[in-house]
Amino acid sequence: MKLFDIFFRKMSHDMGIDLGTANTLVYIKGQGIVLREPSVVAIDSKTNATLAVGNEAKQMVGRTSGSIIAVRPLEDGVISNFEVTETMIRFFIEKVHNRKRFLNPRVIVGVPSGITGVEKRAVLDAILHAGASEAYLIEEPMAAAIGAGMPVSEPTGSMIVDIGGGTTDVAVISLGGIVVSKSVRVAGDEMDQAIIDHCRENYRILIGERTAEDVKLKIGSAALMDGMDEESIEIVGRDLVTGLPKNFTLTSGEVREALSETVNTILNAIRGVLEQTPPELSSDIMEKGVTLAGGGALLRGLDKFIEREIYIKVNIADDPLSCVAYGTGKALEEMDILKKVLFSE
């Protein structure tokens, strides 16, 4: 039986999942990140049948017939639609396993640090129902810190700010544990919504989520820094007065103003955690700086803006979009060492 278990474990391709509000990344033990797709499922509302998942489903957002709806089953980093989440996870597990249903992997999933016990239970249940043999959770700031190569096991303070799609997690880590943390349900999606609201309120024009995200990526910024030129972008939306398509231009200054409330909420979360950090660890953070991870870390000027406000060096992780996924992968590689930071059923 023991030999069978060893053989089965080698065949099962254990995986780490960054189950994000915007995107899902899958890490396979020994292979690295093998899947990176949007957390979107397209459903026929008449038959309740799943039509597409991931990249294919995202292409349908805003472009489908009335009977086809594109669902994002996670909101603010937690499950809002259990059945659709299970369908999505099962699809991704089968996709990376080449549709081999008999291979039941152990799965570690990154979750926001602020989720409740009920929400944790929902994630574990979804993973197990989707075909995992064992399910574990790791808090996203811990996973991000591990993935960014921070010395989480050492007796020194490390500060990570993980800005995802639905949540921003701020944590101070030392000796393999989270000493102080704060999770706010404000992140990349909130930035996109702020741009949509700005266009509606100031131009009476409605734009979609994909257009807002494109604007954020192309001309969005947290602050006007030295050497940064003002830019503009021409986009198309629907005029709320006439109902017709209309071209209009947004400037980077307008977008920066629209994003300011979200950026300041993230800044206040960082300040709040720093205020609660023990003095010994604060001195470590002053020396080493703060590390930004997650897609939101790529907002231009965000690192310099935070640095200017808190007077501490701010660094962006080498691959901020992949930190949580790499962290879950590292936990897979060193399960015995990292088991104290994992939650299981």
C-alpha atoms as a PDB file:
ATOM      1  CA  MET A   1       0.000   0.000   0.000  1.00  0.00           C
ATOM      2  CA  LYS A   2       2.844   2.346   0.833  1.00  0.00           C
ATOM      3  CA  LEU A   3       4.453   1.806  -2.584  1.00  0.00           C
ATOM      4  CA  PHE A   4       1.068   2.428  -4.231  1.00  0.00           C
ATOM      5  CA  ASP A   5       0.678   5.679  -2.289  1.00  0.00           C
ATOM      6  CA  ILE A   6       4.143   6.820  -3.403  1.00  0.00           C
ATOM      7  CA  PHE A   7       3.364   5.943  -7.030  1.00  0.00           C
ATOM      8  CA  PHE A   8      -0.032   7.654  -6.841  1.00  0.00           C
ATOM      9  CA  ARG A   9       1.499  10.778  -5.335  1.00  0.00           C
ATOM     10  CA  LYS A  10       4.106  10.974  -8.113  1.00  0.00           C
ATOM     11  CA  MET A  11       1.375  10.655 -10.732  1.00  0.00           C
ATOM     12  CA  SER A  12      -1.029  13.159  -9.192  1.00  0.00           C
ATOM     13  CA  HIS A  13       0.808  16.415 -10.029  1.00  0.00           C
ATOM     14  CA  ASP A  14       0.094  18.326  -6.816  1.00  0.00           C
ATOM     15  CA  MET A  15      -0.785  21.937  -7.518  1.00  0.00           C
ATOM     16  CA  GLY A  16      -0.841  25.371  -5.985  1.00  0.00           C
ATOM     17  CA  ILE A  17      -3.618  27.739  -7.073  1.00  0.00           C
ATOM     18  CA  ASP A  18      -3.752  31.512  -6.874  1.00  0.00           C
ATOM     19  CA  LEU A  19      -7.557  31.728  -6.977  1.00  0.00           C
ATOM     20  CA  GLY A  20      -7.891  35.410  -7.732  1.00  0.00           C
ATOM     21  CA  THR A  21     -10.909  37.615  -8.309  1.00  0.00           C
ATOM     22  CA  ALA A  22      -9.537  38.639 -11.703  1.00  0.00           C
ATOM     23  CA  ASN A  23      -7.206  35.788 -12.698  1.00  0.00           C
ATOM     24  CA  THR A  24      -6.415  32.223 -11.662  1.00  0.00           C
ATOM     25  CA  LEU A  25      -2.854  30.888 -11.809  1.00  0.00           C
ATOM     26  CA  VAL A  26      -1.962  27.213 -11.397  1.00  0.00           C
ATOM     27  CA  TYR A  27       1.456  25.966 -10.282  1.00  0.00           C
ATOM     28  CA  ILE A  28       2.327  22.291 -10.802  1.00  0.00           C
ATOM     29  CA  LYS A  29       4.945  20.779  -8.527  1.00  0.00           C
ATOM     30  CA  GLY A  30       8.150  20.327 -10.510  1.00  0.00           C
ATOM     31  CA  GLN A  31       6.845  22.269 -13.553  1.00  0.00           C
ATOM     32  CA  GLY A  32       6.169  25.820 -12.361  1.00  0.00           C
ATOM     33  CA  ILE A  33       3.224  27.981 -13.463  1.00  0.00           C
ATOM     34  CA  VAL A  34       1.375  26.081 -16.195  1.00  0.00           C
ATOM     35  CA  LEU A  35      -1.882  28.051 -16.410  1.00  0.00           C
ATOM     36  CA  ARG A  36      -2.784  31.733 -16.194  1.00  0.00           C
ATOM     37  CA  GLU A  37      -6.383  32.536 -17.148  1.00  0.00           C
ATOM     38  CA  PRO A  38      -9.158  34.972 -16.183  1.00  0.00           C
ATOM     39  CA  SER A  39     -11.505  33.860 -13.384  1.00  0.00           C
ATOM     40  CA  VAL A  40     -14.539  34.012 -15.663  1.00  0.00           C
ATOM     41  CA  VAL A  41     -17.182  31.451 -16.648  1.00  0.00           C
ATOM     42  CA  ALA A  42     -19.662  31.904 -19.516  1.00  0.00           C
ATOM     43  CA  ILE A  43     -23.085  30.377 -18.807  1.00  0.00           C
ATOM     44  CA  ASP A  44     -26.251  29.947 -20.873  1.00  0.00           C
ATOM     45  CA  SER A  45     -28.891  31.448 -18.575  1.00  0.00           C
ATOM     46  CA  LYS A  46     -31.681  29.431 -20.249  1.00  0.00           C
ATOM     47  CA  THR A  47     -30.127  25.992 -19.750  1.00  0.00           C
ATOM     48  CA  ASN A  48     -27.595  26.842 -16.991  1.00  0.00           C
ATOM     49  CA  ALA A  49     -24.975  25.065 -19.119  1.00  0.00           C
ATOM     50  CA  THR A  50     -21.326  26.143 -18.940  1.00  0.00           C
ATOM     51  CA  LEU A  51     -20.204  27.365 -22.365  1.00  0.00           C
ATOM     52  CA  ALA A  52     -16.631  28.503 -21.715  1.00  0.00           C
ATOM     53  CA  VAL A  53     -14.126  29.089 -18.925  1.00  0.00           C
ATOM     54  CA  GLY A  54     -11.090  31.355 -18.620  1.00  0.00           C
ATOM     55  CA  ASN A  55      -9.691  33.147 -21.671  1.00  0.00           C
ATOM     56  CA  GLU A  56     -12.504  32.051 -23.961  1.00  0.00           C
ATOM     57  CA  ALA A  57     -15.145  33.190 -21.474  1.00  0.00           C
ATOM     58  CA  LYS A  58     -13.490  36.592 -20.959  1.00  0.00           C
ATOM     59  CA  GLN A  59     -13.692  37.258 -24.691  1.00  0.00           C
ATOM     60  CA  MET A  60     -17.471  36.982 -24.324  1.00  0.00           C
ATOM     61  CA  VAL A  61     -17.723  39.693 -21.636  1.00  0.00           C
ATOM     62  CA  GLY A  62     -19.900  42.500 -22.982  1.00  0.00           C
ATOM     63  CA  ARG A  63     -20.197  40.791 -26.366  1.00  0.00           C
ATOM     64  CA  THR A  64     -22.720  38.028 -25.791  1.00  0.00           C
ATOM     65  CA  SER A  65     -26.393  37.539 -26.557  1.00  0.00           C
ATOM     66  CA  GLY A  66     -28.948  38.102 -23.847  1.00  0.00           C
ATOM     67  CA  SER A  67     -29.069  34.417 -22.902  1.00  0.00           C
ATOM     68  CA  ILE A  68     -25.312  34.114 -22.359  1.00  0.00           C
ATOM     69  CA  ILE A  69     -23.910  35.651 -19.186  1.00  0.00           C
ATOM     70  CA  ALA A  70     -20.266  35.939 -18.210  1.00  0.00           C
ATOM     71  CA  VAL A  71     -19.898  35.240 -14.471  1.00  0.00           C
ATOM     72  CA  ARG A  72     -16.965  36.087 -12.234  1.00  0.00           C
ATOM     73  CA  PRO A  73     -17.585  33.592  -9.399  1.00  0.00           C
ATOM     74  CA  LEU A  74     -15.309  35.370  -6.922  1.00  0.00           C
ATOM     75  CA  GLU A  75     -15.904  38.822  -5.481  1.00  0.00           C
ATOM     76  CA  ASP A  76     -13.397  40.634  -3.270  1.00  0.00           C
ATOM     77  CA  GLY A  77     -11.210  37.535  -3.233  1.00  0.00           C
ATOM     78  CA  VAL A  78     -13.891  35.162  -1.899  1.00  0.00           C
ATOM     79  CA  ILE A  79     -16.463  32.836  -3.430  1.00  0.00           C
ATOM     80  CA  SER A  80     -19.747  34.503  -4.343  1.00  0.00           C
ATOM     81  CA  ASN A  81     -21.072  31.631  -6.486  1.00  0.00           C
ATOM     82  CA  PHE A  82     -20.096  28.215  -5.138  1.00  0.00           C
ATOM     83  CA  GLU A  83     -21.293  26.048  -8.032  1.00  0.00           C
ATOM     84  CA  VAL A  84     -19.659  28.193 -10.715  1.00  0.00           C
ATOM     85  CA  THR A  85     -16.417  28.362  -8.721  1.00  0.00           C
ATOM     86  CA  GLU A  86     -16.367  24.570  -8.452  1.00  0.00           C
ATOM     87  CA  THR A  87     -16.977  24.272 -12.204  1.00  0.00           C
ATOM     88  CA  MET A  88     -14.132  26.699 -12.935  1.00  0.00           C
ATOM     89  CA  ILE A  89     -11.658  24.958 -10.618  1.00  0.00           C
ATOM     90  CA  ARG A  90     -12.570  21.530 -11.998  1.00  0.00           C
ATOM     91  CA  PHE A  91     -12.026  22.821 -15.539  1.00  0.00           C
ATOM     92  CA  PHE A  92      -8.578  24.198 -14.676  1.00  0.00           C
ATOM     93  CA  ILE A  93      -7.544  21.016 -12.805  1.00  0.00           C
ATOM     94  CA  GLU A  94      -8.592  18.845 -15.739  1.00  0.00           C
ATOM     95  CA  LYS A  95      -6.962  21.193 -18.238  1.00  0.00           C
ATOM     96  CA  VAL A  96      -3.523  21.030 -16.621  1.00  0.00           C
ATOM     97  CA  HIS A  97      -3.936  17.261 -16.157  1.00  0.00           C
ATOM     98  CA  ASN A  98      -4.942  16.773 -19.796  1.00  0.00           C
ATOM     99  CA  ARG A  99      -8.503  15.804 -18.819  1.00  0.00           C
ATOM    100  CA  LYS A 100      -7.343  12.849 -16.650  1.00  0.00           C
ATOM    101  CA  ARG A 101     -10.061  12.727 -14.019  1.00  0.00           C
ATOM    102  CA  PHE A 102      -8.503   9.827 -12.077  1.00  0.00           C
ATOM    103  CA  LEU A 103      -5.558  11.918 -10.927  1.00  0.00           C
ATOM    104  CA  ASN A 104      -6.614  13.561  -7.670  1.00  0.00           C
ATOM    105  CA  PRO A 105      -3.964  16.100  -6.663  1.00  0.00           C
ATOM    106  CA  ARG A 106      -3.212  17.716  -3.344  1.00  0.00           C
ATOM    107  CA  VAL A 107      -4.060  21.392  -3.767  1.00  0.00           C
ATOM    108  CA  ILE A 108      -2.900  24.502  -1.907  1.00  0.00           C
ATOM    109  CA  VAL A 109      -4.922  27.678  -2.530  1.00  0.00           C
ATOM    110  CA  GLY A 110      -4.018  31.271  -1.691  1.00  0.00           C
ATOM    111  CA  VAL A 111      -6.808  33.195   0.085  1.00  0.00           C
ATOM    112  CA  PRO A 112      -7.033  36.756   1.476  1.00  0.00           C
ATOM    113  CA  SER A 113      -5.903  37.131   5.084  1.00  0.00           C
ATOM    114  CA  GLY A 114      -9.196  38.721   6.113  1.00  0.00           C
ATOM    115  CA  ILE A 115     -11.644  36.007   5.038  1.00  0.00           C
ATOM    116  CA  THR A 116     -13.948  34.419   7.598  1.00  0.00           C
ATOM    117  CA  GLY A 117     -14.065  30.800   8.733  1.00  0.00           C
ATOM    118  CA  VAL A 118     -17.196  30.246   6.653  1.00  0.00           C
ATOM    119  CA  GLU A 119     -15.447  31.636   3.562  1.00  0.00           C
ATOM    120  CA  LYS A 120     -12.418  29.394   4.198  1.00  0.00           C
ATOM    121  CA  ARG A 121     -14.726  26.387   4.463  1.00  0.00           C
ATOM    122  CA  ALA A 122     -16.363  27.349   1.137  1.00  0.00           C
ATOM    123  CA  VAL A 123     -12.989  27.453  -0.645  1.00  0.00           C
ATOM    124  CA  LEU A 124     -11.901  24.099   0.822  1.00  0.00           C
ATOM    125  CA  ASP A 125     -15.227  22.498  -0.150  1.00  0.00           C
ATOM    126  CA  ALA A 126     -15.011  23.863  -3.689  1.00  0.00           C
ATOM    127  CA  ILE A 127     -11.481  22.470  -4.117  1.00  0.00           C
ATOM    128  CA  LEU A 128     -12.409  19.030  -2.750  1.00  0.00           C
ATOM    129  CA  HIS A 129     -15.593  18.825  -4.833  1.00  0.00           C
ATOM    130  CA  ALA A 130     -13.575  19.779  -7.902  1.00  0.00           C
ATOM    131  CA  GLY A 131     -11.443  16.657  -7.535  1.00  0.00           C
ATOM    132  CA  ALA A 132      -8.622  17.339  -5.067  1.00  0.00           C
ATOM    133  CA  SER A 133      -7.586  14.518  -2.714  1.00  0.00           C
ATOM    134  CA  GLU A 134      -6.431  17.000  -0.053  1.00  0.00           C
ATOM    135  CA  ALA A 135      -7.025  20.744   0.201  1.00  0.00           C
ATOM    136  CA  TYR A 136      -5.007  23.367   2.060  1.00  0.00           C
ATOM    137  CA  LEU A 137      -5.231  27.148   2.312  1.00  0.00           C
ATOM    138  CA  ILE A 138      -2.400  29.639   2.669  1.00  0.00           C
ATOM    139  CA  GLU A 139      -2.950  33.321   3.346  1.00  0.00           C
ATOM    140  CA  GLU A 140      -2.112  35.352   0.248  1.00  0.00           C
ATOM    141  CA  PRO A 141       0.303  37.799   1.901  1.00  0.00           C
ATOM    142  CA  MET A 142       2.306  34.842   3.250  1.00  0.00           C
ATOM    143  CA  ALA A 143       2.247  33.134  -0.167  1.00  0.00           C
ATOM    144  CA  ALA A 144       3.213  36.401  -1.888  1.00  0.00           C
ATOM    145  CA  ALA A 145       6.115  36.942   0.516  1.00  0.00           C
ATOM    146  CA  ILE A 146       7.362  33.382  -0.043  1.00  0.00           C
ATOM    147  CA  GLY A 147       6.978  33.786  -3.800  1.00  0.00           C
ATOM    148  CA  ALA A 148       8.857  37.095  -3.727  1.00  0.00           C
ATOM    149  CA  GLY A 149      11.782  35.397  -1.992  1.00  0.00           C
ATOM    150  CA  MET A 150      11.414  37.233   1.308  1.00  0.00           C
ATOM    151  CA  PRO A 151      13.007  35.631   4.412  1.00  0.00           C
ATOM    152  CA  VAL A 152       9.706  34.683   6.053  1.00  0.00           C
ATOM    153  CA  SER A 153      11.215  32.011   8.329  1.00  0.00           C
ATOM    154  CA  GLU A 154      13.919  34.230   9.803  1.00  0.00           C
ATOM    155  CA  PRO A 155      13.583  36.236  13.064  1.00  0.00           C
ATOM    156  CA  THR A 156      13.358  39.509  11.167  1.00  0.00           C
ATOM    157  CA  GLY A 157      10.432  41.651  10.057  1.00  0.00           C
ATOM    158  CA  SER A 158       9.324  41.635   6.416  1.00  0.00           C
ATOM    159  CA  MET A 159       6.425  43.707   5.064  1.00  0.00           C
ATOM    160  CA  ILE A 160       4.426  42.638   2.012  1.00  0.00           C
ATOM    161  CA  VAL A 161       1.594  44.498   0.259  1.00  0.00           C
ATOM    162  CA  ASP A 162      -0.309  42.205  -2.128  1.00  0.00           C
ATOM    163  CA  ILE A 163      -2.673  44.203  -4.380  1.00  0.00           C
ATOM    164  CA  GLY A 164      -4.862  41.790  -6.308  1.00  0.00           C
ATOM    165  CA  GLY A 165      -8.098  42.178  -8.221  1.00  0.00           C
ATOM    166  CA  GLY A 166     -10.538  42.133  -5.305  1.00  0.00           C
ATOM    167  CA  THR A 167      -8.447  42.618  -2.167  1.00  0.00           C
ATOM    168  CA  THR A 168      -5.308  44.302  -0.901  1.00  0.00           C
ATOM    169  CA  ASP A 169      -3.503  42.355   1.818  1.00  0.00           C
ATOM    170  CA  VAL A 170      -0.894  44.077   3.965  1.00  0.00           C
ATOM    171  CA  ALA A 171       1.158  41.986   6.391  1.00  0.00           C
ATOM    172  CA  VAL A 172       4.264  42.006   8.544  1.00  0.00           C
ATOM    173  CA  ILE A 173       5.828  38.541   8.687  1.00  0.00           C
ATOM    174  CA  SER A 174       8.454  37.110  11.023  1.00  0.00           C
ATOM    175  CA  LEU A 175       9.509  33.576  12.049  1.00  0.00           C
ATOM    176  CA  GLY A 176       7.102  31.969   9.587  1.00  0.00           C
ATOM    177  CA  GLY A 177       4.019  33.748  10.927  1.00  0.00           C
ATOM    178  CA  ILE A 178       1.959  36.841  10.229  1.00  0.00           C
ATOM    179  CA  VAL A 179       2.503  39.259  13.124  1.00  0.00           C
ATOM    180  CA  VAL A 180       0.192  42.072  11.971  1.00  0.00           C
ATOM    181  CA  SER A 181      -2.085  42.139   8.943  1.00  0.00           C
ATOM    182  CA  LYS A 182      -4.950  44.014   7.354  1.00  0.00           C
ATOM    183  CA  SER A 183      -7.078  43.051   4.367  1.00  0.00           C
ATOM    184  CA  VAL A 184      -9.195  45.649   2.558  1.00  0.00           C
ATOM    185  CA  ARG A 185     -11.607  44.737  -0.190  1.00  0.00           C
ATOM    186  CA  VAL A 186     -10.261  47.481  -2.425  1.00  0.00           C
ATOM    187  CA  ALA A 187      -7.829  46.702  -5.243  1.00  0.00           C
ATOM    188  CA  GLY A 188      -7.610  46.481  -9.048  1.00  0.00           C
ATOM    189  CA  ASP A 189     -11.338  45.986  -9.656  1.00  0.00           C
ATOM    190  CA  GLU A 190     -12.098  49.063  -7.566  1.00  0.00           C
ATOM    191  CA  MET A 191      -9.678  51.062  -9.730  1.00  0.00           C
ATOM    192  CA  ASP A 192     -11.498  49.926 -12.880  1.00  0.00           C
ATOM    193  CA  GLN A 193     -14.862  50.854 -11.363  1.00  0.00           C
ATOM    194  CA  ALA A 194     -13.519  54.295 -10.398  1.00  0.00           C
ATOM    195  CA  ILE A 195     -12.649  54.957 -14.056  1.00  0.00           C
ATOM    196  CA  ILE A 196     -16.121  53.793 -15.146  1.00  0.00           C
ATOM    197  CA  ASP A 197     -17.746  56.084 -12.577  1.00  0.00           C
ATOM    198  CA  HIS A 198     -15.592  59.040 -13.664  1.00  0.00           C
ATOM    199  CA  CYS A 199     -16.690  58.654 -17.298  1.00  0.00           C
ATOM    200  CA  ARG A 200     -20.350  58.331 -16.349  1.00  0.00           C
ATOM    201  CA  GLU A 201     -20.367  61.274 -13.957  1.00  0.00           C
ATOM    202  CA  ASN A 202     -18.235  63.691 -15.989  1.00  0.00           C
ATOM    203  CA  TYR A 203     -19.040  62.751 -19.596  1.00  0.00           C
ATOM    204  CA  ARG A 204     -22.396  60.976 -19.294  1.00  0.00           C
ATOM    205  CA  ILE A 205     -20.789  58.095 -21.140  1.00  0.00           C
ATOM    206  CA  LEU A 206     -20.803  54.435 -20.110  1.00  0.00           C
ATOM    207  CA  ILE A 207     -17.719  52.300 -20.733  1.00  0.00           C
ATOM    208  CA  GLY A 208     -17.198  48.599 -20.016  1.00  0.00           C
ATOM    209  CA  GLU A 209     -14.891  46.845 -17.573  1.00  0.00           C
ATOM    210  CA  ARG A 210     -12.437  45.795 -20.289  1.00  0.00           C
ATOM    211  CA  THR A 211     -12.156  49.366 -21.568  1.00  0.00           C
ATOM    212  CA  ALA A 212     -11.616  50.705 -18.037  1.00  0.00           C
ATOM    213  CA  GLU A 213      -8.877  48.138 -17.400  1.00  0.00           C
ATOM    214  CA  ASP A 214      -7.208  49.074 -20.684  1.00  0.00           C
ATOM    215  CA  VAL A 215      -7.254  52.763 -19.713  1.00  0.00           C
ATOM    216  CA  LYS A 216      -5.749  51.932 -16.300  1.00  0.00           C
ATOM    217  CA  LEU A 217      -2.939  49.898 -17.847  1.00  0.00           C
ATOM    218  CA  LYS A 218      -2.108  52.427 -20.563  1.00  0.00           C
ATOM    219  CA  ILE A 219      -2.300  55.809 -18.822  1.00  0.00           C
ATOM    220  CA  GLY A 220      -3.194  55.080 -15.194  1.00  0.00           C
ATOM    221  CA  SER A 221      -0.877  56.254 -12.395  1.00  0.00           C
ATOM    222  CA  ALA A 222      -0.906  56.825  -8.650  1.00  0.00           C
ATOM    223  CA  ALA A 223       0.924  60.142  -8.751  1.00  0.00           C
ATOM    224  CA  LEU A 224       2.652  62.462 -11.208  1.00  0.00           C
ATOM    225  CA  MET A 225       6.334  61.736 -10.668  1.00  0.00           C
ATOM    226  CA  ASP A 226       9.470  63.354 -12.068  1.00  0.00           C
ATOM    227  CA  GLY A 227       9.991  62.494 -15.722  1.00  0.00           C
ATOM    228  CA  MET A 228       6.384  61.365 -16.213  1.00  0.00           C
ATOM    229  CA  ASP A 229       4.580  63.125 -19.067  1.00  0.00           C
ATOM    230  CA  GLU A 230       0.844  63.728 -19.157  1.00  0.00           C
ATOM    231  CA  GLU A 231      -0.853  61.434 -21.660  1.00  0.00           C
ATOM    232  CA  SER A 232      -4.270  60.929 -23.182  1.00  0.00           C
ATOM    233  CA  ILE A 233      -6.236  58.111 -24.732  1.00  0.00           C
ATOM    234  CA  GLU A 234      -9.235  58.070 -27.064  1.00  0.00           C
ATOM    235  CA  ILE A 235     -11.890  55.512 -26.210  1.00  0.00           C
ATOM    236  CA  VAL A 236     -15.433  54.645 -27.242  1.00  0.00           C
ATOM    237  CA  GLY A 237     -18.400  54.401 -24.911  1.00  0.00           C
ATOM    238  CA  ARG A 238     -22.194  54.655 -25.038  1.00  0.00           C
ATOM    239  CA  ASP A 239     -23.663  58.120 -24.652  1.00  0.00           C
ATOM    240  CA  LEU A 240     -26.200  57.906 -21.819  1.00  0.00           C
ATOM    241  CA  VAL A 241     -28.248  60.757 -23.300  1.00  0.00           C
ATOM    242  CA  THR A 242     -28.553  59.621 -26.924  1.00  0.00           C
ATOM    243  CA  GLY A 243     -27.829  55.921 -26.417  1.00  0.00           C
ATOM    244  CA  LEU A 244     -25.381  56.030 -29.334  1.00  0.00           C
ATOM    245  CA  PRO A 245     -21.655  55.108 -29.427  1.00  0.00           C
ATOM    246  CA  LYS A 246     -19.402  58.100 -28.860  1.00  0.00           C
ATOM    247  CA  ASN A 247     -15.651  58.780 -29.030  1.00  0.00           C
ATOM    248  CA  PHE A 248     -14.074  60.829 -26.270  1.00  0.00           C
ATOM    249  CA  THR A 249     -10.652  61.495 -24.787  1.00  0.00           C
ATOM    250  CA  LEU A 250      -9.408  60.841 -21.252  1.00  0.00           C
ATOM    251  CA  THR A 251      -6.219  62.357 -19.872  1.00  0.00           C
ATOM    252  CA  SER A 252      -3.822  60.687 -17.444  1.00  0.00           C
ATOM    253  CA  GLY A 253      -4.541  63.501 -14.960  1.00  0.00           C
ATOM    254  CA  GLU A 254      -8.253  62.632 -14.955  1.00  0.00           C
ATOM    255  CA  VAL A 255      -7.509  58.955 -14.487  1.00  0.00           C
ATOM    256  CA  ARG A 256      -5.075  59.719 -11.662  1.00  0.00           C
ATOM    257  CA  GLU A 257      -7.753  61.782  -9.921  1.00  0.00           C
ATOM    258  CA  ALA A 258     -10.306  58.988 -10.402  1.00  0.00           C
ATOM    259  CA  LEU A 259      -7.922  56.468  -8.843  1.00  0.00           C
ATOM    260  CA  SER A 260      -6.915  58.660  -5.914  1.00  0.00           C
ATOM    261  CA  GLU A 261      -9.543  57.371  -3.457  1.00  0.00           C
ATOM    262  CA  THR A 262      -8.583  53.728  -4.064  1.00  0.00           C
ATOM    263  CA  VAL A 263      -4.861  54.522  -3.854  1.00  0.00           C
ATOM    264  CA  ASN A 264      -5.365  56.382  -0.574  1.00  0.00           C
ATOM    265  CA  THR A 265      -7.360  53.469   0.882  1.00  0.00           C
ATOM    266  CA  ILE A 266      -4.404  51.176   0.154  1.00  0.00           C
ATOM    267  CA  LEU A 267      -2.016  53.744   1.656  1.00  0.00           C
ATOM    268  CA  ASN A 268      -4.131  53.977   4.829  1.00  0.00           C
ATOM    269  CA  ALA A 269      -4.098  50.175   5.178  1.00  0.00           C
ATOM    270  CA  ILE A 270      -0.287  50.237   5.021  1.00  0.00           C
ATOM    271  CA  ARG A 271      -0.138  53.004   7.608  1.00  0.00           C
ATOM    272  CA  GLY A 272      -2.518  51.100   9.865  1.00  0.00           C
ATOM    273  CA  VAL A 273      -0.327  47.992   9.814  1.00  0.00           C
ATOM    274  CA  LEU A 274       2.841  50.015  10.422  1.00  0.00           C
ATOM    275  CA  GLU A 275       1.220  51.655  13.447  1.00  0.00           C
ATOM    276  CA  GLN A 276       0.549  48.216  14.980  1.00  0.00           C
ATOM    277  CA  THR A 277       3.970  46.727  14.193  1.00  0.00           C
ATOM    278  CA  PRO A 278       6.270  46.043  17.183  1.00  0.00           C
ATOM    279  CA  PRO A 279       9.253  48.460  17.303  1.00  0.00           C
ATOM    280  CA  GLU A 280      11.863  45.736  16.747  1.00  0.00           C
ATOM    281  CA  LEU A 281      10.176  44.642  13.516  1.00  0.00           C
ATOM    282  CA  SER A 282       9.595  48.264  12.457  1.00  0.00           C
ATOM    283  CA  SER A 283      13.339  48.825  12.451  1.00  0.00           C
ATOM    284  CA  ASP A 284      13.786  45.772  10.188  1.00  0.00           C
ATOM    285  CA  ILE A 285      11.200  47.173   7.772  1.00  0.00           C
ATOM    286  CA  MET A 286      12.879  50.582   7.779  1.00  0.00           C
ATOM    287  CA  GLU A 287      16.122  48.866   6.817  1.00  0.00           C
ATOM    288  CA  LYS A 288      14.785  46.437   4.186  1.00  0.00           C
ATOM    289  CA  GLY A 289      11.780  48.347   2.890  1.00  0.00           C
ATOM    290  CA  VAL A 290       8.266  47.328   1.857  1.00  0.00           C
ATOM    291  CA  THR A 291       7.617  44.913  -1.027  1.00  0.00           C
ATOM    292  CA  LEU A 292       4.658  45.319  -3.403  1.00  0.00           C
ATOM    293  CA  ALA A 293       3.153  42.272  -5.138  1.00  0.00           C
ATOM    294  CA  GLY A 294       0.029  41.548  -7.185  1.00  0.00           C
ATOM    295  CA  GLY A 295      -1.192  43.173 -10.386  1.00  0.00           C
ATOM    296  CA  GLY A 296      -1.920  46.458  -8.620  1.00  0.00           C
ATOM    297  CA  ALA A 297       1.792  46.848  -7.890  1.00  0.00           C
ATOM    298  CA  LEU A 298       2.234  47.632 -11.588  1.00  0.00           C
ATOM    299  CA  LEU A 299       0.196  50.859 -11.395  1.00  0.00           C
ATOM    300  CA  ARG A 300       2.722  53.466 -12.464  1.00  0.00           C
ATOM    301  CA  GLY A 301       4.169  55.572  -9.696  1.00  0.00           C
ATOM    302  CA  LEU A 302       2.460  53.621  -6.909  1.00  0.00           C
ATOM    303  CA  ASP A 303       5.756  52.543  -5.331  1.00  0.00           C
ATOM    304  CA  LYS A 304       7.148  56.096  -5.353  1.00  0.00           C
ATOM    305  CA  PHE A 305       3.878  57.548  -4.070  1.00  0.00           C
ATOM    306  CA  ILE A 306       3.786  55.172  -1.079  1.00  0.00           C
ATOM    307  CA  GLU A 307       7.490  55.718  -0.439  1.00  0.00           C
ATOM    308  CA  ARG A 308       6.969  59.466  -0.382  1.00  0.00           C
ATOM    309  CA  GLU A 309       4.091  59.165   2.091  1.00  0.00           C
ATOM    310  CA  ILE A 310       5.544  56.693   4.617  1.00  0.00           C
ATOM    311  CA  TYR A 311       9.262  57.588   4.308  1.00  0.00           C
ATOM    312  CA  ILE A 312      10.237  53.934   3.815  1.00  0.00           C
ATOM    313  CA  LYS A 313      11.817  52.402   0.721  1.00  0.00           C
ATOM    314  CA  VAL A 314       9.247  50.575  -1.428  1.00  0.00           C
ATOM    315  CA  ASN A 315      10.272  47.771  -3.797  1.00  0.00           C
ATOM    316  CA  ILE A 316       8.244  45.979  -6.467  1.00  0.00           C
ATOM    317  CA  ALA A 317       8.644  42.178  -6.542  1.00  0.00           C
ATOM    318  CA  ASP A 318      10.429  40.788  -9.624  1.00  0.00           C
ATOM    319  CA  ASP A 319       7.258  39.117 -10.955  1.00  0.00           C
ATOM    320  CA  PRO A 320       4.429  40.688  -8.937  1.00  0.00           C
ATOM    321  CA  LEU A 321       1.638  38.986 -10.898  1.00  0.00           C
ATOM    322  CA  SER A 322       2.980  35.522 -10.072  1.00  0.00           C
ATOM    323  CA  CYS A 323       4.142  35.888  -6.452  1.00  0.00           C
ATOM    324  CA  VAL A 324       1.146  34.174  -4.820  1.00  0.00           C
ATOM    325  CA  ALA A 325       1.263  31.278  -7.306  1.00  0.00           C
ATOM    326  CA  TYR A 326       4.995  30.810  -6.769  1.00  0.00           C
ATOM    327  CA  GLY A 327       4.426  30.965  -3.024  1.00  0.00           C
ATOM    328  CA  THR A 328       1.839  28.161  -3.147  1.00  0.00           C
ATOM    329  CA  GLY A 329       4.312  26.207  -5.277  1.00  0.00           C
ATOM    330  CA  LYS A 330       7.077  26.702  -2.719  1.00  0.00           C
ATOM    331  CA  ALA A 331       4.685  25.457  -0.034  1.00  0.00           C
ATOM    332  CA  LEU A 332       4.128  22.320  -2.141  1.00  0.00           C
ATOM    333  CA  GLU A 333       7.870  21.745  -2.430  1.00  0.00           C
ATOM    334  CA  GLU A 334       8.397  22.145   1.322  1.00  0.00           C
ATOM    335  CA  MET A 335       5.114  20.940   2.848  1.00  0.00           C
ATOM    336  CA  ASP A 336       6.726  19.670   6.054  1.00  0.00           C
ATOM    337  CA  ILE A 337       8.528  22.980   6.676  1.00  0.00           C
ATOM    338  CA  LEU A 338       5.612  25.229   5.787  1.00  0.00           C
ATOM    339  CA  LYS A 339       2.713  23.211   7.243  1.00  0.00           C
ATOM    340  CA  LYS A 340       2.423  25.635  10.152  1.00  0.00           C
ATOM    341  CA  VAL A 341       1.291  28.398   7.732  1.00  0.00           C
ATOM    342  CA  LEU A 342      -1.320  26.197   6.027  1.00  0.00           C
ATOM    343  CA  PHE A 343      -4.978  25.710   6.885  1.00  0.00           C
ATOM    344  CA  SER A 344      -6.643  22.394   6.031  1.00  0.00           C
ATOM    345  CA  GLU A 345     -10.072  20.852   6.253  1.00  0.00           C
END
